[in-house]
C-alpha atoms as a PDB file:
ATOM      1  CA  MET A   1      78.656 -22.807  -3.264  1.00  0.00           C
ATOM      2  CA  LYS A   2      78.930 -22.254  -7.167  1.00  0.00           C
ATOM      3  CA  ALA A   3      76.564 -23.715  -9.466  1.00  0.00           C
ATOM      4  CA  HIS A   4      77.932 -26.097 -12.314  1.00  0.00           C
ATOM      5  CA  ILE A   5      75.692 -25.628 -15.697  1.00  0.00           C
ATOM      6  CA  GLN A   6      76.213 -28.067 -18.655  1.00  0.00           C
ATOM      7  CA  ALA A   7      73.651 -27.674 -21.803  1.00  0.00           C
ATOM      8  CA  PHE A   8      72.591 -29.956 -23.993  1.00  0.00           C
ATOM      9  CA  PHE A   9      70.811 -29.369 -27.269  1.00  0.00           C
ATOM     10  CA  GLU A  10      68.606 -31.251 -29.112  1.00  0.00           C
ATOM     11  CA  SER A  11      67.861 -30.499 -32.124  1.00  0.00           C
ATOM     12  CA  VAL A  12      65.166 -32.981 -33.750  1.00  0.00           C
ATOM     13  CA  SER A  13      62.772 -31.163 -30.915  1.00  0.00           C
ATOM     14  CA  ASP A  14      64.731 -28.279 -29.959  1.00  0.00           C
ATOM     15  CA  THR A  15      65.033 -29.414 -26.719  1.00  0.00           C
ATOM     16  CA  VAL A  16      67.914 -28.062 -24.445  1.00  0.00           C
ATOM     17  CA  SER A  17      68.401 -30.393 -21.191  1.00  0.00           C
ATOM     18  CA  TYR A  18      70.201 -29.388 -18.334  1.00  0.00           C
ATOM     19  CA  VAL A  19      72.464 -31.121 -15.605  1.00  0.00           C
ATOM     20  CA  LEU A  20      72.586 -29.033 -12.706  1.00  0.00           C
ATOM     21  CA  SER A  21      75.965 -29.598 -10.113  1.00  0.00           C
ATOM     22  CA  ASP A  22      77.480 -28.632  -6.968  1.00  0.00           C
ATOM     23  CA  GLY A  23      80.813 -30.142  -8.194  1.00  0.00           C
ATOM     24  CA  LYS A  24      79.404 -33.731  -6.922  1.00  0.00           C
ATOM     25  CA  PHE A  25      75.650 -34.239  -6.866  1.00  0.00           C
ATOM     26  CA  ALA A  26      73.483 -33.369 -10.163  1.00  0.00           C
ATOM     27  CA  ALA A  27      69.813 -32.913 -11.061  1.00  0.00           C
ATOM     28  CA  VAL A  28      68.316 -33.735 -14.696  1.00  0.00           C
ATOM     29  CA  ILE A  29      66.067 -30.250 -15.766  1.00  0.00           C
ATOM     30  CA  ASP A  30      64.257 -31.303 -18.941  1.00  0.00           C
ATOM     31  CA  SER A  31      65.750 -34.683 -20.524  1.00  0.00           C
ATOM     32  CA  VAL A  32      64.768 -36.238 -23.950  1.00  0.00           C
ATOM     33  CA  LEU A  33      63.873 -40.159 -24.702  1.00  0.00           C
ATOM     34  CA  ASP A  34      64.498 -40.222 -28.586  1.00  0.00           C
ATOM     35  CA  PHE A  35      61.308 -40.914 -30.296  1.00  0.00           C
ATOM     36  CA  ASP A  36      60.721 -41.371 -34.160  1.00  0.00           C
ATOM     37  CA  ALA A  37      56.929 -41.241 -34.720  1.00  0.00           C
ATOM     38  CA  ALA A  38      56.726 -42.869 -38.290  1.00  0.00           C
ATOM     39  CA  SER A  39      58.648 -46.110 -37.221  1.00  0.00           C
ATOM     40  CA  GLY A  40      57.045 -46.040 -33.222  1.00  0.00           C
ATOM     41  CA  ARG A  41      61.244 -46.768 -32.613  1.00  0.00           C
ATOM     42  CA  ILE A  42      62.750 -45.015 -29.027  1.00  0.00           C
ATOM     43  CA  SER A  43      66.231 -44.564 -28.590  1.00  0.00           C
ATOM     44  CA  THR A  44      68.051 -43.005 -25.619  1.00  0.00           C
ATOM     45  CA  LYS A  45      70.758 -41.676 -27.609  1.00  0.00           C
ATOM     46  CA  THR A  46      70.419 -37.922 -26.292  1.00  0.00           C
ATOM     47  CA  ALA A  47      69.688 -39.304 -22.224  1.00  0.00           C
ATOM     48  CA  ASP A  48      73.006 -41.717 -23.109  1.00  0.00           C
ATOM     49  CA  MET A  49      74.658 -38.150 -23.531  1.00  0.00           C
ATOM     50  CA  LEU A  50      74.306 -36.939 -20.474  1.00  0.00           C
ATOM     51  CA  LEU A  51      74.768 -40.415 -18.123  1.00  0.00           C
ATOM     52  CA  ALA A  52      78.142 -40.248 -19.632  1.00  0.00           C
ATOM     53  CA  TYR A  53      78.492 -36.461 -19.228  1.00  0.00           C
ATOM     54  CA  LEU A  54      77.443 -37.668 -15.326  1.00  0.00           C
ATOM     55  CA  ARG A  55      80.058 -40.111 -15.695  1.00  0.00           C
ATOM     56  CA  ASP A  56      82.586 -38.432 -16.794  1.00  0.00           C
ATOM     57  CA  SER A  57      82.520 -35.941 -14.185  1.00  0.00           C
ATOM     58  CA  ASN A  58      81.999 -37.587 -11.212  1.00  0.00           C
ATOM     59  CA  LEU A  59      78.260 -36.798 -10.477  1.00  0.00           C
ATOM     60  CA  THR A  60      75.927 -38.907  -8.551  1.00  0.00           C
ATOM     61  CA  LEU A  61      72.343 -38.447 -10.115  1.00  0.00           C
ATOM     62  CA  GLN A  62      70.027 -36.496  -7.479  1.00  0.00           C
ATOM     63  CA  TRP A  63      67.358 -35.349  -9.057  1.00  0.00           C
ATOM     64  CA  ILE A  64      65.291 -35.577 -12.188  1.00  0.00           C
ATOM     65  CA  LEU A  65      63.062 -32.143 -12.986  1.00  0.00           C
ATOM     66  CA  GLU A  66      60.755 -31.680 -15.049  1.00  0.00           C
ATOM     67  CA  THR A  67      59.505 -28.043 -15.984  1.00  0.00           C
ATOM     68  CA  HIS A  68      55.969 -28.883 -16.694  1.00  0.00           C
ATOM     69  CA  ALA A  69      54.897 -32.336 -19.145  1.00  0.00           C
ATOM     70  CA  HIS A  70      55.957 -31.513 -22.425  1.00  0.00           C
ATOM     71  CA  THR A  71      54.300 -31.617 -25.843  1.00  0.00           C
ATOM     72  CA  ASP A  72      56.637 -31.802 -28.155  1.00  0.00           C
ATOM     73  CA  HIS A  73      59.560 -34.551 -26.911  1.00  0.00           C
ATOM     74  CA  LEU A  74      59.258 -37.405 -24.663  1.00  0.00           C
ATOM     75  CA  SER A  75      61.016 -37.204 -21.370  1.00  0.00           C
ATOM     76  CA  ALA A  76      63.770 -39.802 -20.770  1.00  0.00           C
ATOM     77  CA  ALA A  77      63.343 -39.387 -16.674  1.00  0.00           C
ATOM     78  CA  SER A  78      62.472 -43.348 -16.273  1.00  0.00           C
ATOM     79  CA  TYR A  79      64.958 -43.659 -17.517  1.00  0.00           C
ATOM     80  CA  LEU A  80      67.400 -42.431 -16.618  1.00  0.00           C
ATOM     81  CA  LYS A  81      66.545 -43.356 -13.203  1.00  0.00           C
ATOM     82  CA  SER A  82      67.146 -47.037 -14.109  1.00  0.00           C
ATOM     83  CA  GLN A  83      70.392 -46.347 -14.903  1.00  0.00           C
ATOM     84  CA  ALA A  84      71.816 -43.245 -12.456  1.00  0.00           C
ATOM     85  CA  GLY A  85      69.287 -43.652  -9.046  1.00  0.00           C
ATOM     86  CA  GLY A  86      67.774 -40.241  -8.656  1.00  0.00           C
ATOM     87  CA  ARG A  87      64.185 -38.790  -7.622  1.00  0.00           C
ATOM     88  CA  THR A  88      61.846 -37.262 -10.488  1.00  0.00           C
ATOM     89  CA  ALA A  89      59.633 -34.733  -9.195  1.00  0.00           C
ATOM     90  CA  ILE A  90      57.530 -32.036 -11.336  1.00  0.00           C
ATOM     91  CA  SER A  91      54.800 -29.527 -10.054  1.00  0.00           C
ATOM     92  CA  GLU A  92      52.076 -31.064  -7.448  1.00  0.00           C
ATOM     93  CA  HIS A  93      49.518 -29.107 -10.351  1.00  0.00           C
ATOM     94  CA  ILE A  94      50.450 -31.916 -12.851  1.00  0.00           C
ATOM     95  CA  CYS A  95      47.661 -34.014 -11.590  1.00  0.00           C
ATOM     96  CA  ALA A  96      45.236 -31.628 -13.500  1.00  0.00           C
ATOM     97  CA  VAL A  97      47.137 -32.334 -16.252  1.00  0.00           C
ATOM     98  CA  GLN A  98      46.828 -36.060 -15.858  1.00  0.00           C
ATOM     99  CA  ALA A  99      43.086 -35.912 -14.872  1.00  0.00           C
ATOM    100  CA  HIS A 100      42.944 -34.268 -18.359  1.00  0.00           C
ATOM    101  CA  PHE A 101      44.134 -36.399 -20.543  1.00  0.00           C
ATOM    102  CA  GLN A 102      43.517 -39.751 -18.448  1.00  0.00           C
ATOM    103  CA  GLN A 103      40.096 -38.693 -20.327  1.00  0.00           C
ATOM    104  CA  LEU A 104      41.385 -38.570 -23.777  1.00  0.00           C
ATOM    105  CA  TYR A 105      43.124 -41.772 -23.506  1.00  0.00           C
ATOM    106  CA  ASN A 106      40.779 -43.618 -22.069  1.00  0.00           C
ATOM    107  CA  LEU A 107      43.015 -44.292 -19.445  1.00  0.00           C
ATOM    108  CA  GLY A 108      40.654 -45.732 -17.148  1.00  0.00           C
ATOM    109  CA  SER A 109      41.119 -46.893 -13.439  1.00  0.00           C
ATOM    110  CA  GLY A 110      44.703 -48.002 -14.199  1.00  0.00           C
ATOM    111  CA  PHE A 111      45.993 -44.462 -13.903  1.00  0.00           C
ATOM    112  CA  ALA A 112      45.932 -42.514 -10.922  1.00  0.00           C
ATOM    113  CA  PRO A 113      46.022 -38.526 -11.934  1.00  0.00           C
ATOM    114  CA  ASP A 114      47.548 -37.842  -8.708  1.00  0.00           C
ATOM    115  CA  GLY A 115      51.109 -37.605  -9.453  1.00  0.00           C
ATOM    116  CA  ARG A 116      52.039 -40.534  -7.894  1.00  0.00           C
ATOM    117  CA  GLN A 117      54.168 -41.686 -11.143  1.00  0.00           C
ATOM    118  CA  PHE A 118      56.609 -38.599  -9.637  1.00  0.00           C
ATOM    119  CA  ASP A 119      58.824 -39.257  -6.412  1.00  0.00           C
ATOM    120  CA  ARG A 120      58.608 -35.777  -5.136  1.00  0.00           C
ATOM    121  CA  LEU A 121      55.554 -33.051  -6.167  1.00  0.00           C
ATOM    122  CA  LEU A 122      56.835 -29.769  -5.687  1.00  0.00           C
ATOM    123  CA  GLY A 123      54.526 -26.401  -4.672  1.00  0.00           C
ATOM    124  CA  ASP A 124      55.932 -22.822  -5.046  1.00  0.00           C
ATOM    125  CA  ASN A 125      58.839 -21.456  -3.141  1.00  0.00           C
ATOM    126  CA  GLU A 126      59.602 -25.046  -2.119  1.00  0.00           C
ATOM    127  CA  ILE A 127      63.655 -25.526  -1.818  1.00  0.00           C
ATOM    128  CA  LEU A 128      65.329 -28.846  -2.746  1.00  0.00           C
ATOM    129  CA  LEU A 129      69.118 -29.473  -1.677  1.00  0.00           C
ATOM    130  CA  LEU A 130      70.827 -30.600  -3.713  1.00  0.00           C
ATOM    131  CA  GLY A 131      74.175 -31.413  -2.599  1.00  0.00           C
ATOM    132  CA  GLY A 132      75.164 -28.193  -1.243  1.00  0.00           C
ATOM    133  CA  LEU A 133      73.279 -25.985  -3.573  1.00  0.00           C
ATOM    134  CA  GLN A 134      69.456 -24.584  -3.047  1.00  0.00           C
ATOM    135  CA  VAL A 135      67.187 -25.015  -5.820  1.00  0.00           C
ATOM    136  CA  ARG A 136      64.139 -22.501  -4.913  1.00  0.00           C
ATOM    137  CA  THR A 137      60.610 -23.591  -7.265  1.00  0.00           C
ATOM    138  CA  LEU A 138      58.496 -20.657  -9.154  1.00  0.00           C
ATOM    139  CA  LEU A 139      55.109 -21.466  -9.645  1.00  0.00           C
ATOM    140  CA  VAL A 140      55.383 -19.998 -13.150  1.00  0.00           C
ATOM    141  CA  PRO A 141      51.592 -21.381 -14.618  1.00  0.00           C
ATOM    142  CA  GLY A 142      49.984 -19.865 -18.062  1.00  0.00           C
ATOM    143  CA  HIS A 143      51.713 -22.686 -20.959  1.00  0.00           C
ATOM    144  CA  THR A 144      50.630 -25.722 -18.825  1.00  0.00           C
ATOM    145  CA  PRO A 145      48.790 -25.262 -14.802  1.00  0.00           C
ATOM    146  CA  ALA A 146      51.560 -27.321 -14.093  1.00  0.00           C
ATOM    147  CA  ASP A 147      54.504 -25.295 -15.048  1.00  0.00           C
ATOM    148  CA  LEU A 148      57.319 -24.134 -12.677  1.00  0.00           C
ATOM    149  CA  ALA A 149      61.015 -22.756 -12.612  1.00  0.00           C
ATOM    150  CA  TYR A 150      63.919 -24.021 -10.919  1.00  0.00           C
ATOM    151  CA  GLN A 151      65.776 -21.030  -9.493  1.00  0.00           C
ATOM    152  CA  VAL A 152      69.674 -21.374  -8.141  1.00  0.00           C
ATOM    153  CA  GLY A 153      71.906 -18.924  -7.164  1.00  0.00           C
ATOM    154  CA  ASP A 154      71.622 -16.236 -10.363  1.00  0.00           C
ATOM    155  CA  ALA A 155      70.115 -18.627 -12.561  1.00  0.00           C
ATOM    156  CA  VAL A 156      66.819 -19.951 -13.389  1.00  0.00           C
ATOM    157  CA  PHE A 157      65.239 -22.687 -15.625  1.00  0.00           C
ATOM    158  CA  VAL A 158      62.506 -21.433 -17.217  1.00  0.00           C
ATOM    159  CA  GLY A 159      61.455 -24.089 -18.945  1.00  0.00           C
ATOM    160  CA  ASP A 160      58.653 -22.982 -21.854  1.00  0.00           C
ATOM    161  CA  THR A 161      57.295 -20.150 -19.966  1.00  0.00           C
ATOM    162  CA  LEU A 162      59.847 -17.675 -22.244  1.00  0.00           C
ATOM    163  CA  PHE A 163      62.298 -18.125 -24.912  1.00  0.00           C
ATOM    164  CA  MET A 164      64.729 -16.251 -26.346  1.00  0.00           C
ATOM    165  CA  PRO A 165      63.744 -12.480 -26.676  1.00  0.00           C
ATOM    166  CA  ASP A 166      63.601 -12.731 -30.523  1.00  0.00           C
ATOM    167  CA  VAL A 167      61.540 -15.744 -30.581  1.00  0.00           C
ATOM    168  CA  GLY A 168      58.766 -14.559 -27.593  1.00  0.00           C
ATOM    169  CA  THR A 169      56.789 -16.826 -25.420  1.00  0.00           C
ATOM    170  CA  ALA A 170      55.282 -19.542 -25.127  1.00  0.00           C
ATOM    171  CA  ARG A 171      51.981 -20.919 -26.406  1.00  0.00           C
ATOM    172  CA  THR A 172      48.825 -21.027 -24.264  1.00  0.00           C
ATOM    173  CA  ASP A 173      45.814 -23.029 -25.960  1.00  0.00           C
ATOM    174  CA  PHE A 174      47.249 -26.323 -24.545  1.00  0.00           C
ATOM    175  CA  PRO A 175      44.259 -27.141 -21.972  1.00  0.00           C
ATOM    176  CA  GLY A 176      44.105 -25.131 -18.974  1.00  0.00           C
ATOM    177  CA  GLY A 177      46.605 -23.134 -20.516  1.00  0.00           C
ATOM    178  CA  SER A 178      45.699 -19.523 -20.173  1.00  0.00           C
ATOM    179  CA  ALA A 179      47.384 -16.375 -22.044  1.00  0.00           C
ATOM    180  CA  GLN A 180      46.339 -13.959 -18.605  1.00  0.00           C
ATOM    181  CA  THR A 181      48.481 -16.455 -16.491  1.00  0.00           C
ATOM    182  CA  LEU A 182      51.015 -16.691 -18.322  1.00  0.00           C
ATOM    183  CA  TYR A 183      51.486 -12.274 -18.398  1.00  0.00           C
ATOM    184  CA  ARG A 184      51.419 -12.720 -14.612  1.00  0.00           C
ATOM    185  CA  SER A 185      53.704 -15.716 -14.784  1.00  0.00           C
ATOM    186  CA  ILE A 186      56.019 -13.497 -16.452  1.00  0.00           C
ATOM    187  CA  GLN A 187      55.874 -10.537 -14.778  1.00  0.00           C
ATOM    188  CA  ARG A 188      56.847 -12.709 -11.791  1.00  0.00           C
ATOM    189  CA  LEU A 189      60.422 -13.639 -13.606  1.00  0.00           C
ATOM    190  CA  LEU A 190      60.661 -10.375 -15.140  1.00  0.00           C
ATOM    191  CA  ALA A 191      60.252  -8.890 -11.172  1.00  0.00           C
ATOM    192  CA  LEU A 192      63.888 -10.845 -10.482  1.00  0.00           C
ATOM    193  CA  PRO A 193      67.005  -8.595 -10.692  1.00  0.00           C
ATOM    194  CA  ASP A 194      68.126  -7.782 -13.957  1.00  0.00           C
ATOM    195  CA  THR A 195      71.504  -9.774 -14.172  1.00  0.00           C
ATOM    196  CA  MET A 196      69.185 -12.803 -13.811  1.00  0.00           C
ATOM    197  CA  ARG A 197      70.129 -14.906 -15.884  1.00  0.00           C
ATOM    198  CA  LEU A 198      67.180 -17.060 -17.773  1.00  0.00           C
ATOM    199  CA  LEU A 199      68.157 -20.319 -18.729  1.00  0.00           C
ATOM    200  CA  HIS A 200      65.169 -21.445 -21.681  1.00  0.00           C
ATOM    201  CA  CYS A 201      64.349 -25.237 -22.373  1.00  0.00           C
ATOM    202  CA  HIS A 202      63.809 -24.491 -26.489  1.00  0.00           C
ATOM    203  CA  ASP A 203      64.692 -22.212 -28.894  1.00  0.00           C
ATOM    204  CA  TYR A 204      63.317 -21.765 -32.741  1.00  0.00           C
ATOM    205  CA  PRO A 205      65.964 -19.048 -34.017  1.00  0.00           C
ATOM    206  CA  PRO A 206      65.344 -16.988 -36.700  1.00  0.00           C
ATOM    207  CA  ALA A 207      67.486 -17.603 -40.341  1.00  0.00           C
ATOM    208  CA  GLY A 208      71.027 -16.611 -39.572  1.00  0.00           C
ATOM    209  CA  ARG A 209      70.893 -16.744 -36.309  1.00  0.00           C
ATOM    210  CA  ARG A 210      72.758 -20.366 -34.198  1.00  0.00           C
ATOM    211  CA  PRO A 211      70.745 -21.716 -31.343  1.00  0.00           C
ATOM    212  CA  SER A 212      71.000 -20.011 -27.805  1.00  0.00           C
ATOM    213  CA  TRP A 213      69.326 -20.659 -25.017  1.00  0.00           C
ATOM    214  CA  GLU A 214      70.503 -17.796 -22.227  1.00  0.00           C
ATOM    215  CA  SER A 215      69.027 -14.349 -21.495  1.00  0.00           C
ATOM    216  CA  THR A 216      68.489 -11.890 -18.862  1.00  0.00           C
ATOM    217  CA  VAL A 217      66.023 -10.339 -16.797  1.00  0.00           C
ATOM    218  CA  ALA A 218      66.957  -6.860 -18.640  1.00  0.00           C
ATOM    219  CA  ALA A 219      67.423  -8.330 -22.032  1.00  0.00           C
ATOM    220  CA  GLN A 220      63.846  -9.581 -22.271  1.00  0.00           C
ATOM    221  CA  ARG A 221      62.166  -6.750 -20.616  1.00  0.00           C
ATOM    222  CA  ALA A 222      64.121  -4.737 -22.892  1.00  0.00           C
ATOM    223  CA  ARG A 223      63.656  -6.778 -26.359  1.00  0.00           C
ATOM    224  CA  ASN A 224      60.758  -9.708 -25.969  1.00  0.00           C
ATOM    225  CA  ILE A 225      58.486  -9.328 -29.179  1.00  0.00           C
ATOM    226  CA  HIS A 226      55.682 -10.238 -27.446  1.00  0.00           C
ATOM    227  CA  VAL A 227      56.273  -8.854 -23.125  1.00  0.00           C
ATOM    228  CA  HIS A 228      58.768  -5.795 -23.071  1.00  0.00           C
ATOM    229  CA  ASP A 229      58.377  -3.203 -21.258  1.00  0.00           C
ATOM    230  CA  GLY A 230      55.170  -1.161 -21.248  1.00  0.00           C
ATOM    231  CA  ILE A 231      53.390  -4.750 -22.846  1.00  0.00           C
ATOM    232  CA  SER A 232      49.791  -4.987 -20.494  1.00  0.00           C
ATOM    233  CA  GLU A 233      48.137  -7.514 -19.878  1.00  0.00           C
ATOM    234  CA  ALA A 234      45.675  -7.103 -22.567  1.00  0.00           C
ATOM    235  CA  GLN A 235      47.736  -6.284 -25.458  1.00  0.00           C
ATOM    236  CA  PHE A 236      50.376  -8.966 -24.276  1.00  0.00           C
ATOM    237  CA  VAL A 237      46.827 -11.365 -24.458  1.00  0.00           C
ATOM    238  CA  ALA A 238      45.344  -9.988 -27.311  1.00  0.00           C
ATOM    239  CA  LEU A 239      48.684 -10.711 -29.642  1.00  0.00           C
ATOM    240  CA  ARG A 240      49.474 -14.398 -27.272  1.00  0.00           C
ATOM    241  CA  GLN A 241      45.135 -15.707 -28.474  1.00  0.00           C
ATOM    242  CA  ALA A 242      45.808 -14.508 -31.919  1.00  0.00           C
ATOM    243  CA  ARG A 243      49.258 -16.366 -32.283  1.00  0.00           C
ATOM    244  CA  ASP A 244      48.356 -18.989 -30.958  1.00  0.00           C
ATOM    245  CA  ALA A 245      45.255 -19.196 -33.376  1.00  0.00           C
ATOM    246  CA  THR A 246      47.568 -19.688 -35.924  1.00  0.00           C
ATOM    247  CA  LEU A 247      49.953 -22.371 -34.745  1.00  0.00           C
ATOM    248  CA  PRO A 248      50.382 -26.226 -35.879  1.00  0.00           C
ATOM    249  CA  VAL A 249      49.177 -29.096 -33.184  1.00  0.00           C
ATOM    250  CA  PRO A 250      53.019 -29.671 -31.661  1.00  0.00           C
ATOM    251  CA  ARG A 251      54.603 -33.090 -34.061  1.00  0.00           C
ATOM    252  CA  LEU A 252      54.652 -35.115 -31.017  1.00  0.00           C
ATOM    253  CA  ILE A 253      51.710 -34.049 -28.533  1.00  0.00           C
ATOM    254  CA  LEU A 254      50.220 -37.304 -28.459  1.00  0.00           C
ATOM    255  CA  PRO A 255      52.542 -39.792 -28.242  1.00  0.00           C
ATOM    256  CA  ALA A 256      54.750 -37.203 -25.528  1.00  0.00           C
ATOM    257  CA  LEU A 257      51.658 -36.749 -23.385  1.00  0.00           C
ATOM    258  CA  GLN A 258      51.324 -40.716 -22.013  1.00  0.00           C
ATOM    259  CA  VAL A 259      54.722 -40.836 -21.709  1.00  0.00           C
ATOM    260  CA  ASN A 260      55.243 -37.557 -20.087  1.00  0.00           C
ATOM    261  CA  ILE A 261      52.112 -37.820 -17.440  1.00  0.00           C
ATOM    262  CA  ARG A 262      54.006 -40.406 -16.583  1.00  0.00           C
ATOM    263  CA  ALA A 263      57.303 -39.340 -15.283  1.00  0.00           C
ATOM    264  CA  GLY A 264      59.036 -40.242 -18.216  1.00  0.00           C
ATOM    265  CA  SER A 265      57.724 -44.098 -18.098  1.00  0.00           C
ATOM    266  CA  LEU A 266      55.594 -45.705 -21.221  1.00  0.00           C
ATOM    267  CA  PRO A 267      52.313 -47.538 -21.037  1.00  0.00           C
ATOM    268  CA  PRO A 268      52.735 -50.764 -19.463  1.00  0.00           C
ATOM    269  CA  LYS A 269      52.674 -53.765 -21.853  1.00  0.00           C
ATOM    270  CA  GLU A 270      49.936 -55.658 -23.142  1.00  0.00           C
ATOM    271  CA  SER A 271      49.234 -59.451 -23.450  1.00  0.00           C
ATOM    272  CA  ASN A 272      51.784 -59.518 -26.070  1.00  0.00           C
ATOM    273  CA  GLY A 273      54.963 -58.025 -24.395  1.00  0.00           C
ATOM    274  CA  ILE A 274      54.659 -54.532 -26.393  1.00  0.00           C
ATOM    275  CA  SER A 275      53.923 -51.250 -25.573  1.00  0.00           C
ATOM    276  CA  TYR A 276      51.529 -49.047 -27.162  1.00  0.00           C
ATOM    277  CA  LEU A 277      50.679 -45.456 -27.671  1.00  0.00           C
ATOM    278  CA  LYS A 278      47.099 -44.093 -28.516  1.00  0.00           C
ATOM    279  CA  ILE A 279      46.149 -41.854 -31.454  1.00  0.00           C
ATOM    280  CA  PRO A 280      42.928 -40.884 -30.285  1.00  0.00           C
ATOM    281  CA  VAL A 281      41.339 -40.283 -33.487  1.00  0.00           C
ATOM    282  CA  ASN A 282      39.561 -36.332 -34.699  1.00  0.00           C
ATOM    283  CA  ALA A 283      40.167 -35.524 -30.642  1.00  0.00           C
ATOM    284  CA  LEU A 284      42.024 -32.409 -30.634  1.00  0.00           C
ATOM    285  CA  GLY A 285      40.942 -28.970 -32.016  1.00  0.00           C
END
């Protein structure tokens, strides 16, 4: 059975969300909840476009998948589930990420860092059934400890692990990140057949190029500016660590992670009926 893939590009965070379907059942991968940091205002405009596509295509939402806990946008997983059903899923290693940020945000015993916020925790080489499709999980840590890629047919949704060849690879300076581990995860992806399509979660195009989010294993091996064929692990680690040392902290990392470790849910409302996002002061390097 052929997989249908529809991409949605959100230009504020340069994020690509996907609807994967067999023509009847669908999965949403890496959804976006719009957030204005200055006002603290949330909007569902981007997620509503996904819902409209599902309705117009007569698709039943079965899975809401995350490639990892994102630092650059808030997940709309909880909103999508409330509007269209489906089950949320992420890597089983999300627990390590949750434990770290439970401490950073001082969430205490009211937050359980055991993954229960998600409907399913996924290991390596698991098979998710999506209607008539089989979706295989590939553990690809390095950017974070909990990165997963999803393979269906000749396509792999690689999250932030790899970007377009002229952009390179994910940063590795987040808690639990590792340039060595990322290199090995990328080699796992690049060992797939040359014609395998790689679908990326972000694009940061150089001047003069329009946003794009699909490459191939062959293109990555030939032209990726960080990790093309012939780049050794030591060379990659030196390059990646030097580059990471120059990068600013992602603009939405502090609001995003306390939502994303909750599967897209806001923190519980307080006694005045308002939900608050914490901003720890002088807590990030």
